[in-house]
C-alpha atoms as a PDB file:
ATOM      1  CA  UNK A   1     183.397  10.399 -48.420  1.00  0.00           C
ATOM      2  CA  UNK A   2     182.184  11.096 -44.925  1.00  0.00           C
ATOM      3  CA  UNK A   3     181.621   8.180 -42.586  1.00  0.00           C
ATOM      4  CA  UNK A   4     177.910   7.442 -42.125  1.00  0.00           C
ATOM      5  CA  UNK A   5     177.880   8.483 -38.486  1.00  0.00           C
ATOM      6  CA  UNK A   6     175.741  11.073 -36.751  1.00  0.00           C
ATOM      7  CA  UNK A   7     175.188  11.723 -33.085  1.00  0.00           C
ATOM      8  CA  UNK A   8     172.122  13.816 -33.889  1.00  0.00           C
ATOM      9  CA  UNK A   9     168.897  11.822 -34.183  1.00  0.00           C
ATOM     10  CA  UNK A  10     166.183  12.564 -36.712  1.00  0.00           C
ATOM     11  CA  UNK A  11     163.922  13.628 -33.843  1.00  0.00           C
ATOM     12  CA  UNK A  12     166.588  16.073 -32.685  1.00  0.00           C
ATOM     13  CA  UNK A  13     166.898  17.465 -36.203  1.00  0.00           C
ATOM     14  CA  UNK A  14     163.129  17.904 -36.455  1.00  0.00           C
ATOM     15  CA  UNK A  15     163.297  19.857 -33.187  1.00  0.00           C
ATOM     16  CA  UNK A  16     166.103  22.020 -34.602  1.00  0.00           C
ATOM     17  CA  UNK A  17     164.029  22.825 -37.680  1.00  0.00           C
ATOM     18  CA  UNK A  18     161.002  23.639 -35.523  1.00  0.00           C
ATOM     19  CA  UNK A  19     163.075  26.009 -33.403  1.00  0.00           C
ATOM     20  CA  UNK A  20     164.589  27.673 -36.465  1.00  0.00           C
ATOM     21  CA  UNK A  21     161.242  28.165 -38.196  1.00  0.00           C
ATOM     22  CA  UNK A  22     159.487  29.430 -35.071  1.00  0.00           C
ATOM     23  CA  UNK A  23     162.083  32.181 -34.757  1.00  0.00           C
ATOM     24  CA  UNK A  24     162.348  32.915 -38.478  1.00  0.00           C
ATOM     25  CA  UNK A  25     158.696  32.864 -39.609  1.00  0.00           C
ATOM     26  CA  UNK A  26     159.990  34.020 -43.006  1.00  0.00           C
ATOM     27  CA  UNK A  27     163.048  32.347 -44.514  1.00  0.00           C
ATOM     28  CA  UNK A  28     164.595  34.620 -47.158  1.00  0.00           C
ATOM     29  CA  UNK A  29     165.866  32.718 -50.195  1.00  0.00           C
ATOM     30  CA  UNK A  30     169.100  34.462 -51.154  1.00  0.00           C
ATOM     31  CA  UNK A  31     171.199  34.136 -54.298  1.00  0.00           C
ATOM     32  CA  UNK A  32     174.460  36.077 -54.150  1.00  0.00           C
ATOM     33  CA  UNK A  33     175.563  37.585 -57.467  1.00  0.00           C
ATOM     34  CA  UNK A  34     178.554  39.536 -56.117  1.00  0.00           C
ATOM     35  CA  UNK A  35     180.837  38.787 -53.194  1.00  0.00           C
ATOM     36  CA  UNK A  36     180.681  42.419 -52.095  1.00  0.00           C
ATOM     37  CA  UNK A  37     176.940  42.061 -51.399  1.00  0.00           C
ATOM     38  CA  UNK A  38     177.244  39.274 -48.834  1.00  0.00           C
ATOM     39  CA  UNK A  39     177.590  41.246 -45.609  1.00  0.00           C
ATOM     40  CA  UNK A  40     175.511  44.354 -46.384  1.00  0.00           C
ATOM     41  CA  UNK A  41     172.629  42.221 -47.664  1.00  0.00           C
ATOM     42  CA  UNK A  42     172.687  40.008 -44.578  1.00  0.00           C
ATOM     43  CA  UNK A  43     172.876  43.080 -42.359  1.00  0.00           C
ATOM     44  CA  UNK A  44     169.881  44.679 -44.099  1.00  0.00           C
ATOM     45  CA  UNK A  45     167.798  41.541 -43.649  1.00  0.00           C
ATOM     46  CA  UNK A  46     168.834  41.223 -40.014  1.00  0.00           C
ATOM     47  CA  UNK A  47     168.037  44.879 -39.358  1.00  0.00           C
ATOM     48  CA  UNK A  48     164.583  44.231 -40.792  1.00  0.00           C
ATOM     49  CA  UNK A  49     164.110  41.264 -38.462  1.00  0.00           C
ATOM     50  CA  UNK A  50     165.191  38.233 -40.509  1.00  0.00           C
ATOM     51  CA  UNK A  51     168.117  36.480 -38.856  1.00  0.00           C
ATOM     52  CA  UNK A  52     167.779  33.003 -40.406  1.00  0.00           C
ATOM     53  CA  UNK A  53     169.079  33.059 -43.972  1.00  0.00           C
ATOM     54  CA  UNK A  54     168.873  30.451 -46.735  1.00  0.00           C
ATOM     55  CA  UNK A  55     171.808  31.084 -49.066  1.00  0.00           C
ATOM     56  CA  UNK A  56     171.285  29.167 -52.281  1.00  0.00           C
ATOM     57  CA  UNK A  57     174.052  27.369 -54.123  1.00  0.00           C
ATOM     58  CA  UNK A  58     172.719  28.661 -57.449  1.00  0.00           C
ATOM     59  CA  UNK A  59     175.715  30.976 -57.906  1.00  0.00           C
ATOM     60  CA  UNK A  60     179.473  30.641 -57.595  1.00  0.00           C
ATOM     61  CA  UNK A  61     179.353  32.729 -54.420  1.00  0.00           C
ATOM     62  CA  UNK A  62     176.953  30.541 -52.438  1.00  0.00           C
ATOM     63  CA  UNK A  63     179.476  28.530 -50.445  1.00  0.00           C
ATOM     64  CA  UNK A  64     181.701  31.572 -49.987  1.00  0.00           C
ATOM     65  CA  UNK A  65     178.746  33.532 -48.618  1.00  0.00           C
ATOM     66  CA  UNK A  66     177.982  30.807 -46.087  1.00  0.00           C
ATOM     67  CA  UNK A  67     181.607  30.737 -44.948  1.00  0.00           C
ATOM     68  CA  UNK A  68     181.771  34.521 -44.616  1.00  0.00           C
ATOM     69  CA  UNK A  69     178.510  34.753 -42.697  1.00  0.00           C
ATOM     70  CA  UNK A  70     179.425  31.946 -40.326  1.00  0.00           C
ATOM     71  CA  UNK A  71     182.758  33.628 -39.601  1.00  0.00           C
ATOM     72  CA  UNK A  72     181.715  37.274 -39.525  1.00  0.00           C
ATOM     73  CA  UNK A  73     178.024  37.134 -38.563  1.00  0.00           C
ATOM     74  CA  UNK A  74     177.883  34.160 -36.159  1.00  0.00           C
ATOM     75  CA  UNK A  75     174.757  35.555 -34.528  1.00  0.00           C
ATOM     76  CA  UNK A  76     172.818  34.763 -37.706  1.00  0.00           C
ATOM     77  CA  UNK A  77     171.569  31.279 -38.569  1.00  0.00           C
ATOM     78  CA  UNK A  78     172.896  30.533 -42.035  1.00  0.00           C
ATOM     79  CA  UNK A  79     171.896  27.562 -44.162  1.00  0.00           C
ATOM     80  CA  UNK A  80     172.381  26.317 -47.699  1.00  0.00           C
ATOM     81  CA  UNK A  81     169.601  26.119 -50.260  1.00  0.00           C
ATOM     82  CA  UNK A  82     169.326  24.533 -53.707  1.00  0.00           C
ATOM     83  CA  UNK A  83     171.340  21.515 -52.537  1.00  0.00           C
ATOM     84  CA  UNK A  84     170.893  18.927 -55.285  1.00  0.00           C
ATOM     85  CA  UNK A  85     173.079  15.939 -54.374  1.00  0.00           C
ATOM     86  CA  UNK A  86     175.278  14.479 -51.643  1.00  0.00           C
ATOM     87  CA  UNK A  87     178.388  16.249 -52.968  1.00  0.00           C
ATOM     88  CA  UNK A  88     176.700  19.630 -52.561  1.00  0.00           C
ATOM     89  CA  UNK A  89     175.470  18.509 -49.145  1.00  0.00           C
ATOM     90  CA  UNK A  90     179.024  17.721 -48.055  1.00  0.00           C
ATOM     91  CA  UNK A  91     180.331  21.015 -49.450  1.00  0.00           C
ATOM     92  CA  UNK A  92     177.627  22.902 -47.567  1.00  0.00           C
ATOM     93  CA  UNK A  93     178.575  21.083 -44.360  1.00  0.00           C
ATOM     94  CA  UNK A  94     182.230  22.036 -44.814  1.00  0.00           C
ATOM     95  CA  UNK A  95     181.230  25.664 -45.438  1.00  0.00           C
ATOM     96  CA  UNK A  96     179.511  25.695 -42.045  1.00  0.00           C
ATOM     97  CA  UNK A  97     175.836  25.480 -42.989  1.00  0.00           C
ATOM     98  CA  UNK A  98     173.527  25.182 -40.015  1.00  0.00           C
ATOM     99  CA  UNK A  99     170.657  23.759 -42.051  1.00  0.00           C
ATOM    100  CA  UNK A 100     170.093  22.445 -45.577  1.00  0.00           C
ATOM    101  CA  UNK A 101     167.178  23.070 -47.938  1.00  0.00           C
ATOM    102  CA  UNK A 102     166.533  21.241 -51.212  1.00  0.00           C
ATOM    103  CA  UNK A 103     164.119  21.980 -54.077  1.00  0.00           C
ATOM    104  CA  UNK A 104     163.285  18.287 -54.466  1.00  0.00           C
ATOM    105  CA  UNK A 105     164.365  14.864 -53.287  1.00  0.00           C
ATOM    106  CA  UNK A 106     166.367  11.858 -54.376  1.00  0.00           C
ATOM    107  CA  UNK A 107     166.725   8.711 -52.325  1.00  0.00           C
ATOM    108  CA  UNK A 108     170.507   9.156 -52.286  1.00  0.00           C
ATOM    109  CA  UNK A 109     170.305  12.686 -50.898  1.00  0.00           C
ATOM    110  CA  UNK A 110     167.709  11.769 -48.287  1.00  0.00           C
ATOM    111  CA  UNK A 111     169.808   8.845 -47.096  1.00  0.00           C
ATOM    112  CA  UNK A 112     172.997  10.910 -47.023  1.00  0.00           C
ATOM    113  CA  UNK A 113     171.298  13.527 -44.882  1.00  0.00           C
ATOM    114  CA  UNK A 114     170.060  10.967 -42.374  1.00  0.00           C
ATOM    115  CA  UNK A 115     173.691  10.531 -41.340  1.00  0.00           C
ATOM    116  CA  UNK A 116     174.478  14.237 -41.331  1.00  0.00           C
ATOM    117  CA  UNK A 117     174.331  16.204 -38.072  1.00  0.00           C
ATOM    118  CA  UNK A 118     172.762  19.104 -39.971  1.00  0.00           C
ATOM    119  CA  UNK A 119     168.960  19.206 -40.313  1.00  0.00           C
ATOM    120  CA  UNK A 120     167.556  18.899 -43.817  1.00  0.00           C
ATOM    121  CA  UNK A 121     164.332  20.466 -45.085  1.00  0.00           C
ATOM    122  CA  UNK A 122     163.594  18.403 -48.201  1.00  0.00           C
ATOM    123  CA  UNK A 123     161.588  19.915 -51.023  1.00  0.00           C
ATOM    124  CA  UNK A 124     158.468  18.056 -52.114  1.00  0.00           C
ATOM    125  CA  UNK A 125     155.479  18.861 -54.310  1.00  0.00           C
ATOM    126  CA  UNK A 126     153.109  15.964 -53.605  1.00  0.00           C
ATOM    127  CA  UNK A 127     152.121  13.157 -51.243  1.00  0.00           C
ATOM    128  CA  UNK A 128     154.518  10.665 -52.834  1.00  0.00           C
ATOM    129  CA  UNK A 129     157.468  12.900 -52.018  1.00  0.00           C
ATOM    130  CA  UNK A 130     156.345  13.148 -48.416  1.00  0.00           C
ATOM    131  CA  UNK A 131     156.056   9.359 -48.157  1.00  0.00           C
ATOM    132  CA  UNK A 132     159.564   8.893 -49.555  1.00  0.00           C
ATOM    133  CA  UNK A 133     160.983  11.102 -46.840  1.00  0.00           C
ATOM    134  CA  UNK A 134     158.589   9.914 -44.147  1.00  0.00           C
ATOM    135  CA  UNK A 135     159.935   6.392 -44.370  1.00  0.00           C
ATOM    136  CA  UNK A 136     163.382   7.687 -43.424  1.00  0.00           C
ATOM    137  CA  UNK A 137     162.139   9.745 -40.498  1.00  0.00           C
ATOM    138  CA  UNK A 138     161.587  13.137 -42.108  1.00  0.00           C
ATOM    139  CA  UNK A 139     158.628  15.077 -40.729  1.00  0.00           C
ATOM    140  CA  UNK A 140     159.342  18.610 -41.960  1.00  0.00           C
ATOM    141  CA  UNK A 141     159.279  19.521 -45.652  1.00  0.00           C
ATOM    142  CA  UNK A 142     159.467  22.464 -47.998  1.00  0.00           C
ATOM    143  CA  UNK A 143     156.473  22.569 -50.348  1.00  0.00           C
ATOM    144  CA  UNK A 144     157.936  23.794 -53.632  1.00  0.00           C
ATOM    145  CA  UNK A 145     156.809  25.410 -55.813  1.00  0.00           C
ATOM    146  CA  UNK A 146     154.019  26.081 -53.347  1.00  0.00           C
ATOM    147  CA  UNK A 147     151.499  28.008 -55.406  1.00  0.00           C
ATOM    148  CA  UNK A 148     151.939  25.810 -58.491  1.00  0.00           C
ATOM    149  CA  UNK A 149     151.614  22.700 -56.304  1.00  0.00           C
ATOM    150  CA  UNK A 150     148.222  23.677 -54.911  1.00  0.00           C
ATOM    151  CA  UNK A 151     149.108  26.306 -52.319  1.00  0.00           C
ATOM    152  CA  UNK A 152     146.964  26.680 -49.231  1.00  0.00           C
ATOM    153  CA  UNK A 153     144.398  24.113 -50.428  1.00  0.00           C
ATOM    154  CA  UNK A 154     147.088  21.480 -50.973  1.00  0.00           C
ATOM    155  CA  UNK A 155     148.604  21.990 -47.530  1.00  0.00           C
ATOM    156  CA  UNK A 156     145.171  21.698 -45.919  1.00  0.00           C
ATOM    157  CA  UNK A 157     144.514  18.457 -47.804  1.00  0.00           C
ATOM    158  CA  UNK A 158     147.926  16.988 -46.973  1.00  0.00           C
ATOM    159  CA  UNK A 159     147.273  17.611 -43.302  1.00  0.00           C
ATOM    160  CA  UNK A 160     144.745  14.773 -43.329  1.00  0.00           C
ATOM    161  CA  UNK A 161     146.954  11.759 -44.079  1.00  0.00           C
ATOM    162  CA  UNK A 162     150.125  13.376 -42.731  1.00  0.00           C
ATOM    163  CA  UNK A 163     149.154  14.667 -39.307  1.00  0.00           C
ATOM    164  CA  UNK A 164     152.729  14.795 -38.003  1.00  0.00           C
ATOM    165  CA  UNK A 165     154.082  16.681 -40.999  1.00  0.00           C
ATOM    166  CA  UNK A 166     154.648  20.429 -41.192  1.00  0.00           C
ATOM    167  CA  UNK A 167     155.640  22.566 -44.143  1.00  0.00           C
ATOM    168  CA  UNK A 168     157.623  25.589 -45.209  1.00  0.00           C
ATOM    169  CA  UNK A 169     155.842  26.646 -48.423  1.00  0.00           C
ATOM    170  CA  UNK A 170     158.142  28.425 -50.877  1.00  0.00           C
ATOM    171  CA  UNK A 171     157.538  29.588 -54.424  1.00  0.00           C
ATOM    172  CA  UNK A 172     154.827  32.129 -55.149  1.00  0.00           C
ATOM    173  CA  UNK A 173     154.542  33.187 -51.512  1.00  0.00           C
ATOM    174  CA  UNK A 174     154.414  36.952 -50.950  1.00  0.00           C
ATOM    175  CA  UNK A 175     152.637  39.804 -49.159  1.00  0.00           C
ATOM    176  CA  UNK A 176     149.297  38.976 -50.794  1.00  0.00           C
ATOM    177  CA  UNK A 177     149.068  35.418 -49.457  1.00  0.00           C
ATOM    178  CA  UNK A 178     151.561  35.043 -46.611  1.00  0.00           C
ATOM    179  CA  UNK A 179     148.897  35.387 -43.907  1.00  0.00           C
ATOM    180  CA  UNK A 180     146.783  32.654 -45.509  1.00  0.00           C
ATOM    181  CA  UNK A 181     149.711  30.258 -45.395  1.00  0.00           C
ATOM    182  CA  UNK A 182     150.799  31.140 -41.879  1.00  0.00           C
ATOM    183  CA  UNK A 183     147.249  30.675 -40.599  1.00  0.00           C
ATOM    184  CA  UNK A 184     147.500  26.929 -41.314  1.00  0.00           C
ATOM    185  CA  UNK A 185     148.398  24.746 -38.338  1.00  0.00           C
ATOM    186  CA  UNK A 186     150.747  22.603 -40.430  1.00  0.00           C
ATOM    187  CA  UNK A 187     152.768  25.558 -41.737  1.00  0.00           C
ATOM    188  CA  UNK A 188     155.772  26.442 -39.579  1.00  0.00           C
ATOM    189  CA  UNK A 189     157.228  29.254 -41.701  1.00  0.00           C
ATOM    190  CA  UNK A 190     157.345  30.408 -45.309  1.00  0.00           C
ATOM    191  CA  UNK A 191     160.199  30.974 -47.733  1.00  0.00           C
ATOM    192  CA  UNK A 192     160.401  33.825 -50.184  1.00  0.00           C
ATOM    193  CA  UNK A 193     162.511  36.351 -52.011  1.00  0.00           C
ATOM    194  CA  UNK A 194     160.181  39.317 -52.591  1.00  0.00           C
ATOM    195  CA  UNK A 195     162.303  41.438 -50.209  1.00  0.00           C
ATOM    196  CA  UNK A 196     165.353  40.713 -52.382  1.00  0.00           C
ATOM    197  CA  UNK A 197     164.678  42.566 -55.613  1.00  0.00           C
ATOM    198  CA  UNK A 198     167.817  42.144 -57.782  1.00  0.00           C
ATOM    199  CA  UNK A 199     167.799  45.845 -58.701  1.00  0.00           C
ATOM    200  CA  UNK A 200     167.793  46.882 -55.048  1.00  0.00           C
ATOM    201  CA  UNK A 201     170.754  44.602 -54.400  1.00  0.00           C
ATOM    202  CA  UNK A 202     172.588  45.754 -57.522  1.00  0.00           C
ATOM    203  CA  UNK A 203     172.130  49.390 -56.489  1.00  0.00           C
ATOM    204  CA  UNK A 204     173.011  48.761 -52.857  1.00  0.00           C
ATOM    205  CA  UNK A 205     169.605  49.941 -51.687  1.00  0.00           C
ATOM    206  CA  UNK A 206     169.973  48.243 -48.322  1.00  0.00           C
ATOM    207  CA  UNK A 207     167.544  50.616 -46.627  1.00  0.00           C
ATOM    208  CA  UNK A 208     164.794  49.540 -49.041  1.00  0.00           C
ATOM    209  CA  UNK A 209     165.509  45.877 -48.351  1.00  0.00           C
ATOM    210  CA  UNK A 210     165.384  46.502 -44.607  1.00  0.00           C
ATOM    211  CA  UNK A 211     162.099  48.380 -44.976  1.00  0.00           C
ATOM    212  CA  UNK A 212     160.406  45.687 -47.078  1.00  0.00           C
ATOM    213  CA  UNK A 213     161.698  42.981 -44.747  1.00  0.00           C
ATOM    214  CA  UNK A 214     160.270  44.714 -41.698  1.00  0.00           C
ATOM    215  CA  UNK A 215     156.969  45.235 -43.537  1.00  0.00           C
ATOM    216  CA  UNK A 216     156.796  41.539 -44.376  1.00  0.00           C
ATOM    217  CA  UNK A 217     157.187  40.532 -40.757  1.00  0.00           C
ATOM    218  CA  UNK A 218     154.674  43.176 -39.673  1.00  0.00           C
ATOM    219  CA  UNK A 219     152.028  41.355 -41.737  1.00  0.00           C
ATOM    220  CA  UNK A 220     152.318  38.461 -39.292  1.00  0.00           C
ATOM    221  CA  UNK A 221     151.842  40.493 -36.105  1.00  0.00           C
END
């Protein structure tokens, strides 16, 4: 068990998330099915303009992918997604994750992350989830699943009582609605996987992934 010590304050971690999201604008949510896909997929996304990558721990290759990218593509910002408990949090830290994203929250995970030097973007779907994190100093959240949880209208409404809070909506976000989300003052970036069609990855169609990635970012110009 790691000692509950961190030299990075919550305010510093909020600033790190803000910097990451401002540069990223779109955070690709990546699940690696084959080890051989790690580098070419990351390179295709980077060539298309996405250099901050959320690698989920949904597959057996998640932690390996983070390690490989940190070692061989240090210019990218690589984080861990689908972190469900403190044990996964610690494993992601050891793998070299530069940020952590969760689909939801537990008190134990929120408290563990307070003492981690790595910024956490906790997943919430309602005001109660925000308040749970807010009490521990969290000010940046992932709204997930965004569209099911009210989408643009929900984020607008949540901006009233939570003026300091900003969101990364993920889940149901795509080319048809990305501009509506990014137009909101309390949205800092969006997460999505529409540029990561499993068939394209399976077939090694890296040029297609690069093209769709670049097109996604062009929607925000």
